[in-house]
Amino acid sequence: MDALTPGHRVHLASMEATFPGWALVVRDGWWWATKRVPPTPEQIAAGVLPDFARPGPFELLAALTVQQGILMSLGAA
């Protein structure tokens, strides 16, 4: 994991608490999310990603929120 600023550590800890179904890491300057339980074929068809990266914490938070919305629409979250 990359060295994080104190502010980035706060963002990461907050996202980990909010989205426990995702493993979150910062690697090579990118913020990564990996679904702890691989998505089902139905979830993949609806747009759930097994993993993805974004360039910063705010972009990752936005993407995780979208993923959570998809899962909720399927009754999986």
Protein backbone atom coordinates (compact mmCIF):
# COMPACT_ATOMS: atom_id res chain seq x y z
CA MET A 1 0.00 0.00 0.00
CA ASP A 2 1.25 3.47 -0.81
CA ALA A 3 2.20 5.88 1.95
CA LEU A 4 -0.91 7.90 2.69
CA THR A 5 -1.36 11.35 4.13
CA PRO A 6 -3.29 11.53 7.42
CA GLY A 7 -6.27 12.89 5.49
CA HIS A 8 -6.17 10.03 3.03
CA ARG A 9 -6.00 7.52 5.89
CA VAL A 10 -9.18 9.09 7.31
CA HIS A 11 -10.91 8.79 3.92
CA LEU A 12 -9.83 5.16 3.56
CA ALA A 13 -10.96 4.21 7.08
CA SER A 14 -14.33 5.91 6.53
CA MET A 15 -14.90 4.12 3.23
CA GLU A 16 -13.87 0.78 4.75
CA ALA A 17 -16.47 1.28 7.50
CA THR A 18 -19.15 2.38 5.05
CA PHE A 19 -18.49 -0.34 2.44
CA PRO A 20 -17.42 -3.46 4.38
CA GLY A 21 -18.14 -5.70 1.39
CA TRP A 22 -15.15 -4.22 -0.43
CA ALA A 23 -11.43 -4.55 0.22
CA LEU A 24 -9.87 -1.13 -0.33
CA VAL A 25 -6.21 -0.33 -1.00
CA VAL A 26 -4.12 2.45 -2.47
CA ARG A 27 -1.50 1.18 -4.88
CA ASP A 28 0.72 3.12 -7.28
CA GLY A 29 -1.31 6.26 -6.61
CA TRP A 30 -4.62 4.61 -7.53
CA TRP A 31 -7.43 3.80 -5.11
CA TRP A 32 -8.63 0.21 -5.63
CA ALA A 33 -11.79 -1.61 -4.53
CA THR A 34 -12.20 -5.39 -4.76
CA LYS A 35 -15.50 -7.02 -3.90
CA ARG A 36 -14.87 -9.42 -1.00
CA VAL A 37 -17.43 -11.90 -2.36
CA PRO A 38 -17.26 -12.14 -6.15
CA PRO A 39 -20.37 -10.82 -7.86
CA THR A 40 -22.91 -13.30 -9.19
CA PRO A 41 -23.63 -13.47 -12.92
CA GLU A 42 -26.86 -11.50 -12.27
CA GLN A 43 -24.91 -8.80 -10.42
CA ILE A 44 -22.31 -8.59 -13.20
CA ALA A 45 -25.08 -8.26 -15.80
CA ALA A 46 -26.52 -5.37 -13.76
CA GLY A 47 -23.14 -3.60 -13.67
CA VAL A 48 -21.45 -4.76 -10.47
CA LEU A 49 -17.69 -4.87 -10.94
CA PRO A 50 -15.46 -7.42 -9.18
CA ASP A 51 -12.77 -4.75 -8.82
CA PHE A 52 -11.92 -1.30 -10.10
CA ALA A 53 -9.55 1.61 -9.55
CA ARG A 54 -10.04 5.36 -9.40
CA PRO A 55 -7.45 8.15 -9.25
CA GLY A 56 -8.47 9.49 -5.83
CA PRO A 57 -10.62 8.99 -2.74
CA PHE A 58 -13.55 11.07 -3.94
CA GLU A 59 -13.75 9.23 -7.25
CA LEU A 60 -13.56 5.90 -5.43
CA LEU A 61 -16.31 6.97 -3.02
CA ALA A 62 -18.54 7.96 -5.95
CA ALA A 63 -17.93 4.62 -7.70
CA LEU A 64 -18.56 2.62 -4.52
CA THR A 65 -21.82 4.51 -4.02
CA VAL A 66 -22.90 3.56 -7.55
CA GLN A 67 -21.95 -0.09 -6.93
CA GLN A 68 -23.88 -0.09 -3.64
CA GLY A 69 -26.92 1.34 -5.46
CA ILE A 70 -26.81 -1.45 -8.02
CA LEU A 71 -26.53 -4.07 -5.29
CA MET A 72 -29.41 -2.50 -3.36
CA SER A 73 -31.59 -2.49 -6.49
CA LEU A 74 -30.98 -6.24 -6.71
CA GLY A 75 -31.76 -6.76 -3.04
CA ALA A 76 -28.17 -7.83 -2.37
CA ALA A 77 -26.99 -5.02 -0.11
